[in-house]
PDB file of N, CA and C in Angstrom:
ATOM      1  N   MET A   1       0.916  -1.237   0.028  1.00  0.00           N
ATOM      2  CA  MET A   1      -0.108  -0.151  -0.168  1.00  0.00           C
ATOM      3  C   MET A   1       0.859   1.306   0.090  1.00  0.00           C
ATOM      4  N   PRO A   2       0.542   2.360  -0.674  1.00  0.00           N
ATOM      5  CA  PRO A   2       1.498   3.383  -0.947  1.00  0.00           C
ATOM      6  C   PRO A   2       1.547   4.097   0.371  1.00  0.00           C
ATOM      7  N   SER A   3       2.560   4.905   0.802  1.00  0.00           N
ATOM      8  CA  SER A   3       2.479   5.706   1.820  1.00  0.00           C
ATOM      9  C   SER A   3       2.033   6.840   1.726  1.00  0.00           C
ATOM     10  N   THR A   4       1.136   7.715   2.751  1.00  0.00           N
ATOM     11  CA  THR A   4       0.573   8.931   2.543  1.00  0.00           C
ATOM     12  C   THR A   4       1.254   9.664   3.895  1.00  0.00           C
ATOM     13  N   LEU A   5       1.544  10.882   3.310  1.00  0.00           N
ATOM     14  CA  LEU A   5       2.248  11.667   4.245  1.00  0.00           C
ATOM     15  C   LEU A   5       1.324  13.014   4.454  1.00  0.00           C
ATOM     16  N   ILE A   6       1.038  13.364   5.524  1.00  0.00           N
ATOM     17  CA  ILE A   6       0.061  14.118   6.119  1.00  0.00           C
ATOM     18  C   ILE A   6       0.879  15.453   6.949  1.00  0.00           C
ATOM     19  N   GLU A   7       0.570  16.589   6.591  1.00  0.00           N
ATOM     20  CA  GLU A   7       1.193  17.845   7.242  1.00  0.00           C
ATOM     21  C   GLU A   7       0.163  18.097   8.474  1.00  0.00           C
ATOM     22  N   PHE A   8       0.589  18.156   9.498  1.00  0.00           N
ATOM     23  CA  PHE A   8      -0.035  18.356  10.920  1.00  0.00           C
ATOM     24  C   PHE A   8       0.407  19.719  11.433  1.00  0.00           C
ATOM     25  N   LYS A   9      -0.387  20.341  11.836  1.00  0.00           N
ATOM     26  CA  LYS A   9       0.119  21.595  12.436  1.00  0.00           C
ATOM     27  C   LYS A   9      -0.160  21.369  14.242  1.00  0.00           C
ATOM     28  N   ARG A  10       0.682  21.776  14.911  1.00  0.00           N
ATOM     29  CA  ARG A  10       0.279  21.897  16.301  1.00  0.00           C
ATOM     30  C   ARG A  10       0.977  23.082  17.007  1.00  0.00           C
ATOM     31  N   THR A  11       0.307  23.519  17.953  1.00  0.00           N
ATOM     32  CA  THR A  11       0.749  24.569  18.709  1.00  0.00           C
ATOM     33  C   THR A  11       1.138  24.291  20.237  1.00  0.00           C
ATOM     34  N   LYS A  12       2.518  24.629  20.609  1.00  0.00           N
ATOM     35  CA  LYS A  12       2.939  24.034  21.713  1.00  0.00           C
ATOM     36  C   LYS A  12       3.247  25.417  22.513  1.00  0.00           C
ATOM     37  N   MET A  13       2.943  25.600  23.711  1.00  0.00           N
ATOM     38  CA  MET A  13       3.233  26.973  24.577  1.00  0.00           C
ATOM     39  C   MET A  13       3.048  27.922  23.396  1.00  0.00           C
ATOM     40  N   THR A  14       3.902  28.690  22.791  1.00  0.00           N
ATOM     41  CA  THR A  14       3.692  29.903  22.136  1.00  0.00           C
ATOM     42  C   THR A  14       4.113  29.700  20.753  1.00  0.00           C
ATOM     43  N   HIS A  15       4.424  28.786  20.331  1.00  0.00           N
ATOM     44  CA  HIS A  15       4.942  28.580  18.921  1.00  0.00           C
ATOM     45  C   HIS A  15       4.116  27.406  18.070  1.00  0.00           C
ATOM     46  N   GLU A  16       3.942  27.636  16.736  1.00  0.00           N
ATOM     47  CA  GLU A  16       3.268  26.683  16.012  1.00  0.00           C
ATOM     48  C   GLU A  16       4.198  25.957  15.334  1.00  0.00           C
ATOM     49  N   GLN A  17       3.752  24.476  15.254  1.00  0.00           N
ATOM     50  CA  GLN A  17       4.924  23.588  14.465  1.00  0.00           C
ATOM     51  C   GLN A  17       4.304  22.799  13.564  1.00  0.00           C
ATOM     52  N   THR A  18       4.807  22.479  12.400  1.00  0.00           N
ATOM     53  CA  THR A  18       4.282  21.871  11.422  1.00  0.00           C
ATOM     54  C   THR A  18       5.157  20.554  11.313  1.00  0.00           C
ATOM     55  N   LEU A  19       4.360  19.262  11.538  1.00  0.00           N
ATOM     56  CA  LEU A  19       4.941  18.084  11.223  1.00  0.00           C
ATOM     57  C   LEU A  19       4.412  17.146   9.955  1.00  0.00           C
ATOM     58  N   GLN A  20       5.459  16.367   9.745  1.00  0.00           N
ATOM     59  CA  GLN A  20       4.934  15.644   8.482  1.00  0.00           C
ATOM     60  C   GLN A  20       4.719  14.048   9.150  1.00  0.00           C
ATOM     61  N   LEU A  21       3.643  13.338   9.129  1.00  0.00           N
ATOM     62  CA  LEU A  21       3.305  12.487   9.757  1.00  0.00           C
ATOM     63  C   LEU A  21       2.962  11.483   8.523  1.00  0.00           C
ATOM     64  N   GLN A  22       3.202  10.134   8.938  1.00  0.00           N
ATOM     65  CA  GLN A  22       2.970   8.580   8.025  1.00  0.00           C
ATOM     66  C   GLN A  22       1.373   8.549   8.349  1.00  0.00           C
ATOM     67  N   LEU A  23       0.532   8.587   7.551  1.00  0.00           N
ATOM     68  CA  LEU A  23      -0.866   8.174   7.516  1.00  0.00           C
ATOM     69  C   LEU A  23      -0.658   6.612   8.015  1.00  0.00           C
ATOM     70  N   LEU A  24      -1.162   5.958   9.105  1.00  0.00           N
ATOM     71  CA  LEU A  24      -0.940   4.586   9.288  1.00  0.00           C
ATOM     72  C   LEU A  24      -2.340   3.911   8.947  1.00  0.00           C
ATOM     73  N   HIS A  25      -2.656   2.821   8.177  1.00  0.00           N
ATOM     74  CA  HIS A  25      -3.793   2.355   7.731  1.00  0.00           C
ATOM     75  C   HIS A  25      -4.260   1.286   8.874  1.00  0.00           C
ATOM     76  N   SER A  26      -5.392   1.210   9.005  1.00  0.00           N
ATOM     77  CA  SER A  26      -5.989   0.312   9.864  1.00  0.00           C
ATOM     78  C   SER A  26      -5.896  -1.102   9.366  1.00  0.00           C
ATOM     79  N   ILE A  27      -5.916  -2.252  10.372  1.00  0.00           N
ATOM     80  CA  ILE A  27      -6.443  -3.590  10.297  1.00  0.00           C
ATOM     81  C   ILE A  27      -7.584  -3.690  10.662  1.00  0.00           C
ATOM     82  N   HIS A  28      -8.423  -4.818   9.804  1.00  0.00           N
ATOM     83  CA  HIS A  28      -9.531  -4.959  10.345  1.00  0.00           C
ATOM     84  C   HIS A  28      -9.697  -5.675  11.804  1.00  0.00           C
ATOM     85  N   PRO A  29     -10.530  -5.140  12.695  1.00  0.00           N
ATOM     86  CA  PRO A  29     -10.857  -5.685  14.048  1.00  0.00           C
ATOM     87  C   PRO A  29     -11.033  -7.283  14.189  1.00  0.00           C
ATOM     88  N   THR A  30     -11.680  -8.035  13.100  1.00  0.00           N
ATOM     89  CA  THR A  30     -11.443  -9.586  13.153  1.00  0.00           C
ATOM     90  C   THR A  30     -10.022 -10.277  13.371  1.00  0.00           C
ATOM     91  N   ASN A  31      -8.944  -9.246  13.159  1.00  0.00           N
ATOM     92  CA  ASN A  31      -7.569  -9.780  13.282  1.00  0.00           C
ATOM     93  C   ASN A  31      -7.143  -9.409  14.723  1.00  0.00           C
ATOM     94  N   GLU A  32      -7.706  -9.143  15.537  1.00  0.00           N
ATOM     95  CA  GLU A  32      -7.397  -8.926  16.993  1.00  0.00           C
ATOM     96  C   GLU A  32      -6.739 -10.137  17.484  1.00  0.00           C
ATOM     97  N   PRO A  33      -7.554 -11.289  17.607  1.00  0.00           N
ATOM     98  CA  PRO A  33      -7.105 -12.435  18.572  1.00  0.00           C
ATOM     99  C   PRO A  33      -5.613 -12.677  18.279  1.00  0.00           C
ATOM    100  N   MET A  34      -5.206 -12.552  16.960  1.00  0.00           N
ATOM    101  CA  MET A  34      -3.664 -12.925  16.761  1.00  0.00           C
ATOM    102  C   MET A  34      -2.659 -11.961  16.849  1.00  0.00           C
ATOM    103  N   MET A  35      -3.323 -10.729  17.399  1.00  0.00           N
ATOM    104  CA  MET A  35      -2.419  -9.637  17.436  1.00  0.00           C
ATOM    105  C   MET A  35      -1.704  -9.471  18.634  1.00  0.00           C
ATOM    106  N   ARG A  36      -0.542  -9.112  18.904  1.00  0.00           N
ATOM    107  CA  ARG A  36       0.377  -8.971  20.237  1.00  0.00           C
ATOM    108  C   ARG A  36       1.450  -8.050  19.729  1.00  0.00           C
ATOM    109  N   SER A  37       2.128  -7.176  21.079  1.00  0.00           N
ATOM    110  CA  SER A  37       3.457  -6.951  20.984  1.00  0.00           C
ATOM    111  C   SER A  37       4.407  -7.717  20.886  1.00  0.00           C
ATOM    112  N   LEU A  38       5.409  -7.640  19.888  1.00  0.00           N
ATOM    113  CA  LEU A  38       6.643  -8.544  19.883  1.00  0.00           C
ATOM    114  C   LEU A  38       7.585  -8.345  20.566  1.00  0.00           C
ATOM    115  N   HIS A  39       8.090  -6.964  20.325  1.00  0.00           N
ATOM    116  CA  HIS A  39       9.425  -6.501  21.391  1.00  0.00           C
ATOM    117  C   HIS A  39       9.308  -5.061  21.246  1.00  0.00           C
ATOM    118  N   SER A  40      10.351  -4.245  22.222  1.00  0.00           N
ATOM    119  CA  SER A  40      10.211  -2.992  22.342  1.00  0.00           C
ATOM    120  C   SER A  40      11.616  -2.426  21.894  1.00  0.00           C
ATOM    121  N   ALA A  41      12.148  -2.932  20.780  1.00  0.00           N
ATOM    122  CA  ALA A  41      13.267  -2.616  20.236  1.00  0.00           C
ATOM    123  C   ALA A  41      13.476  -1.037  19.576  1.00  0.00           C
ATOM    124  N   LEU A  42      12.402  -0.766  18.721  1.00  0.00           N
ATOM    125  CA  LEU A  42      12.639   0.359  17.976  1.00  0.00           C
ATOM    126  C   LEU A  42      11.322   1.320  18.437  1.00  0.00           C
ATOM    127  N   LYS A  43      11.878   2.464  19.206  1.00  0.00           N
ATOM    128  CA  LYS A  43      10.708   3.376  19.707  1.00  0.00           C
ATOM    129  C   LYS A  43      10.474   4.250  18.534  1.00  0.00           C
ATOM    130  N   THR A  44       9.318   4.688  18.480  1.00  0.00           N
ATOM    131  CA  THR A  44       8.446   5.681  17.837  1.00  0.00           C
ATOM    132  C   THR A  44       7.340   6.492  18.263  1.00  0.00           C
ATOM    133  N   GLN A  45       6.950   7.469  17.335  1.00  0.00           N
ATOM    134  CA  GLN A  45       5.833   8.355  18.065  1.00  0.00           C
ATOM    135  C   GLN A  45       4.469   8.014  17.043  1.00  0.00           C
ATOM    136  N   VAL A  46       3.566   8.227  17.710  1.00  0.00           N
ATOM    137  CA  VAL A  46       2.281   8.454  16.759  1.00  0.00           C
ATOM    138  C   VAL A  46       1.428   9.366  17.536  1.00  0.00           C
ATOM    139  N   THR A  47       0.505  10.070  16.576  1.00  0.00           N
ATOM    140  CA  THR A  47      -0.578  10.985  17.017  1.00  0.00           C
ATOM    141  C   THR A  47      -1.994  10.259  16.670  1.00  0.00           C
ATOM    142  N   PHE A  48      -2.759  10.082  17.785  1.00  0.00           N
ATOM    143  CA  PHE A  48      -4.049   9.924  17.356  1.00  0.00           C
ATOM    144  C   PHE A  48      -4.869  10.833  17.423  1.00  0.00           C
ATOM    145  N   MET A  49      -5.661  10.945  16.251  1.00  0.00           N
ATOM    146  CA  MET A  49      -6.450  12.136  15.711  1.00  0.00           C
ATOM    147  C   MET A  49      -7.777  11.623  15.560  1.00  0.00           C
ATOM    148  N   ASN A  50      -8.754  11.545  16.544  1.00  0.00           N
ATOM    149  CA  ASN A  50     -10.253  11.453  16.637  1.00  0.00           C
ATOM    150  C   ASN A  50     -11.135  12.357  15.975  1.00  0.00           C
ATOM    151  N   VAL A  51     -11.505  12.237  14.557  1.00  0.00           N
ATOM    152  CA  VAL A  51     -12.305  12.837  14.059  1.00  0.00           C
ATOM    153  C   VAL A  51     -13.980  12.540  13.945  1.00  0.00           C
ATOM    154  N   ARG A  52     -14.128  11.406  15.013  1.00  0.00           N
ATOM    155  CA  ARG A  52     -15.557  11.111  15.120  1.00  0.00           C
ATOM    156  C   ARG A  52     -16.132  12.311  15.881  1.00  0.00           C
ATOM    157  N   ALA A  53     -17.583  12.036  16.560  1.00  0.00           N
ATOM    158  CA  ALA A  53     -18.381  13.005  17.401  1.00  0.00           C
ATOM    159  C   ALA A  53     -18.255  12.517  18.590  1.00  0.00           C
ATOM    160  N   SER A  54     -17.829  11.508  18.634  1.00  0.00           N
ATOM    161  CA  SER A  54     -17.717  10.958  20.400  1.00  0.00           C
ATOM    162  C   SER A  54     -16.432  10.197  20.644  1.00  0.00           C
ATOM    163  N   PRO A  55     -15.961  10.205  22.061  1.00  0.00           N
ATOM    164  CA  PRO A  55     -14.806   9.593  22.283  1.00  0.00           C
ATOM    165  C   PRO A  55     -14.567   8.190  21.944  1.00  0.00           C
ATOM    166  N   VAL A  56     -13.417   7.989  22.013  1.00  0.00           N
ATOM    167  CA  VAL A  56     -12.893   6.702  21.463  1.00  0.00           C
ATOM    168  C   VAL A  56     -11.803   6.140  22.708  1.00  0.00           C
ATOM    169  N   ASN A  57     -11.855   4.885  22.917  1.00  0.00           N
ATOM    170  CA  ASN A  57     -10.795   4.272  23.780  1.00  0.00           C
ATOM    171  C   ASN A  57      -9.583   3.620  23.174  1.00  0.00           C
ATOM    172  N   LEU A  58      -8.394   3.812  23.836  1.00  0.00           N
ATOM    173  CA  LEU A  58      -7.310   3.283  23.339  1.00  0.00           C
ATOM    174  C   LEU A  58      -6.663   2.171  23.929  1.00  0.00           C
ATOM    175  N   TRP A  59      -6.332   1.018  23.309  1.00  0.00           N
ATOM    176  CA  TRP A  59      -6.029  -0.048  23.863  1.00  0.00           C
ATOM    177  C   TRP A  59      -4.687  -0.421  23.069  1.00  0.00           C
ATOM    178  N   TRP A  60      -3.474  -0.840  24.188  1.00  0.00           N
ATOM    179  CA  TRP A  60      -2.369  -1.289  23.535  1.00  0.00           C
ATOM    180  C   TRP A  60      -2.490  -2.833  23.780  1.00  0.00           C
ATOM    181  N   LYS A  61      -2.182  -3.572  22.870  1.00  0.00           N
ATOM    182  CA  LYS A  61      -1.861  -4.962  22.786  1.00  0.00           C
ATOM    183  C   LYS A  61      -0.764  -5.377  23.284  1.00  0.00           C
ATOM    184  N   GLY A  62      -0.862  -5.988  24.494  1.00  0.00           N
ATOM    185  CA  GLY A  62       0.498  -6.276  25.272  1.00  0.00           C
ATOM    186  C   GLY A  62       1.125  -7.585  24.792  1.00  0.00           C
ATOM    187  N   PHE A  63       2.180  -8.201  25.420  1.00  0.00           N
ATOM    188  CA  PHE A  63       3.211  -9.161  24.731  1.00  0.00           C
ATOM    189  C   PHE A  63       2.123 -10.504  25.090  1.00  0.00           C
ATOM    190  N   ASP A  64       1.284 -10.298  25.806  1.00  0.00           N
ATOM    191  CA  ASP A  64       0.403 -11.700  26.105  1.00  0.00           C
ATOM    192  C   ASP A  64      -0.722 -11.576  25.278  1.00  0.00           C
ATOM    193  N   GLY A  65      -0.806 -10.221  24.564  1.00  0.00           N
ATOM    194  CA  GLY A  65      -2.214 -10.475  23.548  1.00  0.00           C
ATOM    195  C   GLY A  65      -3.326  -9.648  24.162  1.00  0.00           C
ATOM    196  N   LYS A  66      -3.168  -9.259  25.360  1.00  0.00           N
ATOM    197  CA  LYS A  66      -4.280  -8.856  26.080  1.00  0.00           C
ATOM    198  C   LYS A  66      -4.371  -7.358  26.058  1.00  0.00           C
ATOM    199  N   ARG A  67      -5.466  -6.638  26.068  1.00  0.00           N
ATOM    200  CA  ARG A  67      -5.456  -5.214  25.900  1.00  0.00           C
ATOM    201  C   ARG A  67      -5.147  -4.569  27.366  1.00  0.00           C
ATOM    202  N   VAL A  68      -4.475  -3.429  27.019  1.00  0.00           N
ATOM    203  CA  VAL A  68      -4.129  -2.683  28.253  1.00  0.00           C
ATOM    204  C   VAL A  68      -4.645  -1.284  27.995  1.00  0.00           C
ATOM    205  N   SER A  69      -5.605  -0.614  28.694  1.00  0.00           N
ATOM    206  CA  SER A  69      -6.181   0.655  28.668  1.00  0.00           C
ATOM    207  C   SER A  69      -4.978   1.740  28.731  1.00  0.00           C
ATOM    208  N   TYR A  70      -5.087   2.682  27.649  1.00  0.00           N
ATOM    209  CA  TYR A  70      -4.277   3.687  27.438  1.00  0.00           C
ATOM    210  C   TYR A  70      -5.472   5.107  27.639  1.00  0.00           C
ATOM    211  N   GLY A  71      -6.541   5.117  28.398  1.00  0.00           N
ATOM    212  CA  GLY A  71      -7.496   6.076  28.251  1.00  0.00           C
ATOM    213  C   GLY A  71      -8.097   6.306  27.038  1.00  0.00           C
ATOM    214  N   SER A  72      -8.678   7.639  27.019  1.00  0.00           N
ATOM    215  CA  SER A  72      -9.654   7.798  25.639  1.00  0.00           C
ATOM    216  C   SER A  72      -9.012   9.184  24.907  1.00  0.00           C
ATOM    217  N   ALA A  73      -9.804   9.203  23.685  1.00  0.00           N
ATOM    218  CA  ALA A  73      -8.923  10.183  22.998  1.00  0.00           C
ATOM    219  C   ALA A  73     -10.344  11.064  22.620  1.00  0.00           C
ATOM    220  N   GLN A  74     -10.405  12.276  23.034  1.00  0.00           N
ATOM    221  CA  GLN A  74     -11.697  13.207  22.808  1.00  0.00           C
ATOM    222  C   GLN A  74     -11.745  13.517  21.194  1.00  0.00           C
ATOM    223  N   PRO A  75     -12.791  14.011  20.777  1.00  0.00           N
ATOM    224  CA  PRO A  75     -13.084  14.374  19.245  1.00  0.00           C
ATOM    225  C   PRO A  75     -12.163  15.536  19.211  1.00  0.00           C
ATOM    226  N   ASN A  76     -11.615  15.575  18.040  1.00  0.00           N
ATOM    227  CA  ASN A  76     -10.597  16.609  17.330  1.00  0.00           C
ATOM    228  C   ASN A  76      -9.536  17.432  18.397  1.00  0.00           C
ATOM    229  N   ALA A  77      -9.240  16.349  19.483  1.00  0.00           N
ATOM    230  CA  ALA A  77      -8.092  16.725  20.214  1.00  0.00           C
ATOM    231  C   ALA A  77      -6.935  15.651  19.883  1.00  0.00           C
ATOM    232  N   PRO A  78      -5.942  16.258  19.073  1.00  0.00           N
ATOM    233  CA  PRO A  78      -4.887  15.126  19.067  1.00  0.00           C
ATOM    234  C   PRO A  78      -4.107  14.717  20.289  1.00  0.00           C
ATOM    235  N   MET A  79      -3.771  13.581  20.330  1.00  0.00           N
ATOM    236  CA  MET A  79      -3.178  13.018  21.451  1.00  0.00           C
ATOM    237  C   MET A  79      -1.643  12.278  20.914  1.00  0.00           C
ATOM    238  N   GLU A  80      -0.738  12.805  21.395  1.00  0.00           N
ATOM    239  CA  GLU A  80       0.784  12.279  20.977  1.00  0.00           C
ATOM    240  C   GLU A  80       0.974  11.230  22.111  1.00  0.00           C
ATOM    241  N   MET A  81       1.799  10.103  21.515  1.00  0.00           N
ATOM    242  CA  MET A  81       2.165   8.900  22.300  1.00  0.00           C
ATOM    243  C   MET A  81       3.398   8.319  21.796  1.00  0.00           C
ATOM    244  N   THR A  82       4.305   8.084  22.776  1.00  0.00           N
ATOM    245  CA  THR A  82       5.466   7.314  22.172  1.00  0.00           C
ATOM    246  C   THR A  82       5.272   5.823  22.411  1.00  0.00           C
ATOM    247  N   THR A  83       5.648   4.997  21.539  1.00  0.00           N
ATOM    248  CA  THR A  83       5.217   3.737  21.347  1.00  0.00           C
ATOM    249  C   THR A  83       6.261   2.939  20.834  1.00  0.00           C
ATOM    250  N   TYR A  84       5.902   2.053  20.364  1.00  0.00           N
ATOM    251  CA  TYR A  84       7.143   1.031  19.709  1.00  0.00           C
ATOM    252  C   TYR A  84       6.657   0.388  18.380  1.00  0.00           C
ATOM    253  N   VAL A  85       7.298   0.204  17.421  1.00  0.00           N
ATOM    254  CA  VAL A  85       7.083  -0.490  16.082  1.00  0.00           C
ATOM    255  C   VAL A  85       6.824  -2.078  16.654  1.00  0.00           C
ATOM    256  N   THR A  86       5.900  -2.723  16.238  1.00  0.00           N
ATOM    257  CA  THR A  86       5.368  -3.961  16.521  1.00  0.00           C
ATOM    258  C   THR A  86       4.162  -3.817  17.498  1.00  0.00           C
ATOM    259  N   HIS A  87       4.085  -2.670  18.185  1.00  0.00           N
ATOM    260  CA  HIS A  87       3.021  -2.816  19.414  1.00  0.00           C
ATOM    261  C   HIS A  87       1.533  -2.224  18.463  1.00  0.00           C
ATOM    262  N   PRO A  88       0.824  -3.309  18.718  1.00  0.00           N
ATOM    263  CA  PRO A  88      -0.513  -2.874  18.157  1.00  0.00           C
ATOM    264  C   PRO A  88      -1.433  -1.850  19.061  1.00  0.00           C
ATOM    265  N   TRP A  89      -1.973  -1.302  18.345  1.00  0.00           N
ATOM    266  CA  TRP A  89      -3.412  -0.350  18.861  1.00  0.00           C
ATOM    267  C   TRP A  89      -4.521  -0.728  18.728  1.00  0.00           C
ATOM    268  N   VAL A  90      -5.401  -0.975  19.548  1.00  0.00           N
ATOM    269  CA  VAL A  90      -6.754  -1.152  19.041  1.00  0.00           C
ATOM    270  C   VAL A  90      -7.896   0.000  19.531  1.00  0.00           C
ATOM    271  N   ILE A  91      -8.582   0.582  18.931  1.00  0.00           N
ATOM    272  CA  ILE A  91      -9.480   1.808  19.399  1.00  0.00           C
ATOM    273  C   ILE A  91     -10.595   1.153  19.083  1.00  0.00           C
ATOM    274  N   THR A  92     -11.784   1.384  20.324  1.00  0.00           N
ATOM    275  CA  THR A  92     -12.851   1.147  20.205  1.00  0.00           C
ATOM    276  C   THR A  92     -13.655   2.409  20.694  1.00  0.00           C
ATOM    277  N   ASP A  93     -14.982   2.205  20.245  1.00  0.00           N
ATOM    278  CA  ASP A  93     -16.077   3.411  20.391  1.00  0.00           C
ATOM    279  C   ASP A  93     -16.233   3.050  22.031  1.00  0.00           C
ATOM    280  N   GLU A  94     -16.232   4.411  22.326  1.00  0.00           N
ATOM    281  CA  GLU A  94     -16.353   4.601  24.041  1.00  0.00           C
ATOM    282  C   GLU A  94     -17.599   4.056  24.475  1.00  0.00           C
ATOM    283  N   GLU A  95     -18.757   4.273  23.807  1.00  0.00           N
ATOM    284  CA  GLU A  95     -20.010   3.908  24.259  1.00  0.00           C
ATOM    285  C   GLU A  95     -20.608   2.447  24.268  1.00  0.00           C
ATOM    286  N   THR A  96     -19.951   1.821  23.072  1.00  0.00           N
ATOM    287  CA  THR A  96     -20.472   0.427  22.523  1.00  0.00           C
ATOM    288  C   THR A  96     -19.361  -0.487  23.031  1.00  0.00           C
ATOM    289  N   ASP A  97     -18.058  -0.161  22.907  1.00  0.00           N
ATOM    290  CA  ASP A  97     -16.867  -0.883  23.189  1.00  0.00           C
ATOM    291  C   ASP A  97     -16.677  -1.681  21.807  1.00  0.00           C
ATOM    292  N   LEU A  98     -17.432  -1.595  20.845  1.00  0.00           N
ATOM    293  CA  LEU A  98     -16.829  -2.110  19.696  1.00  0.00           C
ATOM    294  C   LEU A  98     -15.419  -1.710  18.901  1.00  0.00           C
ATOM    295  N   PRO A  99     -14.778  -2.586  18.752  1.00  0.00           N
ATOM    296  CA  PRO A  99     -13.668  -2.006  17.962  1.00  0.00           C
ATOM    297  C   PRO A  99     -13.641  -1.365  16.586  1.00  0.00           C
ATOM    298  N   LEU A 100     -12.894  -0.339  16.325  1.00  0.00           N
ATOM    299  CA  LEU A 100     -13.236   0.317  15.129  1.00  0.00           C
ATOM    300  C   LEU A 100     -11.740   0.148  14.187  1.00  0.00           C
ATOM    301  N   GLY A 101     -10.746  -0.603  14.608  1.00  0.00           N
ATOM    302  CA  GLY A 101      -9.764  -1.231  13.849  1.00  0.00           C
ATOM    303  C   GLY A 101      -8.394  -1.146  14.772  1.00  0.00           C
ATOM    304  N   ILE A 102      -7.478  -1.755  14.079  1.00  0.00           N
ATOM    305  CA  ILE A 102      -6.055  -2.050  14.726  1.00  0.00           C
ATOM    306  C   ILE A 102      -5.130  -1.287  14.100  1.00  0.00           C
ATOM    307  N   TRP A 103      -4.272  -0.819  14.565  1.00  0.00           N
ATOM    308  CA  TRP A 103      -3.170   0.044  13.938  1.00  0.00           C
ATOM    309  C   TRP A 103      -1.698  -0.334  14.350  1.00  0.00           C
ATOM    310  N   ILE A 104      -0.719  -0.413  13.461  1.00  0.00           N
ATOM    311  CA  ILE A 104       0.662  -1.123  13.857  1.00  0.00           C
ATOM    312  C   ILE A 104       1.680   0.118  13.592  1.00  0.00           C
ATOM    313  N   PRO A 105       2.150   0.945  14.626  1.00  0.00           N
ATOM    314  CA  PRO A 105       3.239   1.761  14.196  1.00  0.00           C
ATOM    315  C   PRO A 105       4.320   1.460  13.478  1.00  0.00           C
ATOM    316  N   THR A 106       5.031   2.180  12.656  1.00  0.00           N
ATOM    317  CA  THR A 106       6.033   2.214  11.928  1.00  0.00           C
ATOM    318  C   THR A 106       7.298   3.024  12.263  1.00  0.00           C
ATOM    319  N   VAL A 107       8.371   2.954  11.887  1.00  0.00           N
ATOM    320  CA  VAL A 107       9.630   3.729  12.466  1.00  0.00           C
ATOM    321  C   VAL A 107       9.406   5.221  12.064  1.00  0.00           C
ATOM    322  N   GLU A 108       8.594   5.579  11.006  1.00  0.00           N
ATOM    323  CA  GLU A 108       8.294   6.912  10.891  1.00  0.00           C
ATOM    324  C   GLU A 108       7.137   7.474  11.850  1.00  0.00           C
ATOM    325  N   THR A 109       7.218   8.503  12.088  1.00  0.00           N
ATOM    326  CA  THR A 109       6.143   9.299  12.939  1.00  0.00           C
ATOM    327  C   THR A 109       5.001   9.156  12.397  1.00  0.00           C
ATOM    328  N   GLY A 110       3.749   8.624  13.135  1.00  0.00           N
ATOM    329  CA  GLY A 110       2.688   8.093  12.480  1.00  0.00           C
ATOM    330  C   GLY A 110       1.401   8.829  12.854  1.00  0.00           C
ATOM    331  N   LEU A 111       0.533   8.951  11.945  1.00  0.00           N
ATOM    332  CA  LEU A 111      -0.873   9.492  12.159  1.00  0.00           C
ATOM    333  C   LEU A 111      -1.944   8.562  12.281  1.00  0.00           C
ATOM    334  N   ILE A 112      -2.590   8.162  13.317  1.00  0.00           N
ATOM    335  CA  ILE A 112      -3.706   7.331  13.501  1.00  0.00           C
ATOM    336  C   ILE A 112      -4.887   8.175  13.191  1.00  0.00           C
ATOM    337  N   LEU A 113      -5.545   8.096  12.308  1.00  0.00           N
ATOM    338  CA  LEU A 113      -6.660   8.987  11.959  1.00  0.00           C
ATOM    339  C   LEU A 113      -8.088   7.951  12.218  1.00  0.00           C
ATOM    340  N   ILE A 114      -8.755   8.218  13.202  1.00  0.00           N
ATOM    341  CA  ILE A 114      -9.852   7.474  13.867  1.00  0.00           C
ATOM    342  C   ILE A 114     -11.068   8.171  13.415  1.00  0.00           C
ATOM    343  N   ASN A 115     -12.030   7.533  12.309  1.00  0.00           N
ATOM    344  CA  ASN A 115     -13.106   8.216  11.643  1.00  0.00           C
ATOM    345  C   ASN A 115     -14.177   7.013  11.832  1.00  0.00           C
TER     346      ASN A 115
END
């Protein structure tokens, strides 16, 4: 699948910064049972951007394949996270807990667009 770079503007303290983020593509939720973190050798950054009208829950898939809660992402409020390549993230609807997708970070700074 071809890579997509997204320009992302953020304001920290008193200055604006433009980042180039690699758009990460989701994996269908039916693949979740076989997903787990493999190692923590390569650190990376991801930005979760929830463009839905309601909050979503962020779940890291641990080394044992179980979900570990990392809180929620509010609508239109970017959330930056340090993570690792091979660490899957499951995003669920906060109200129904239904999975919306699974994302696996890459070496490039990534954007997880939740819609």
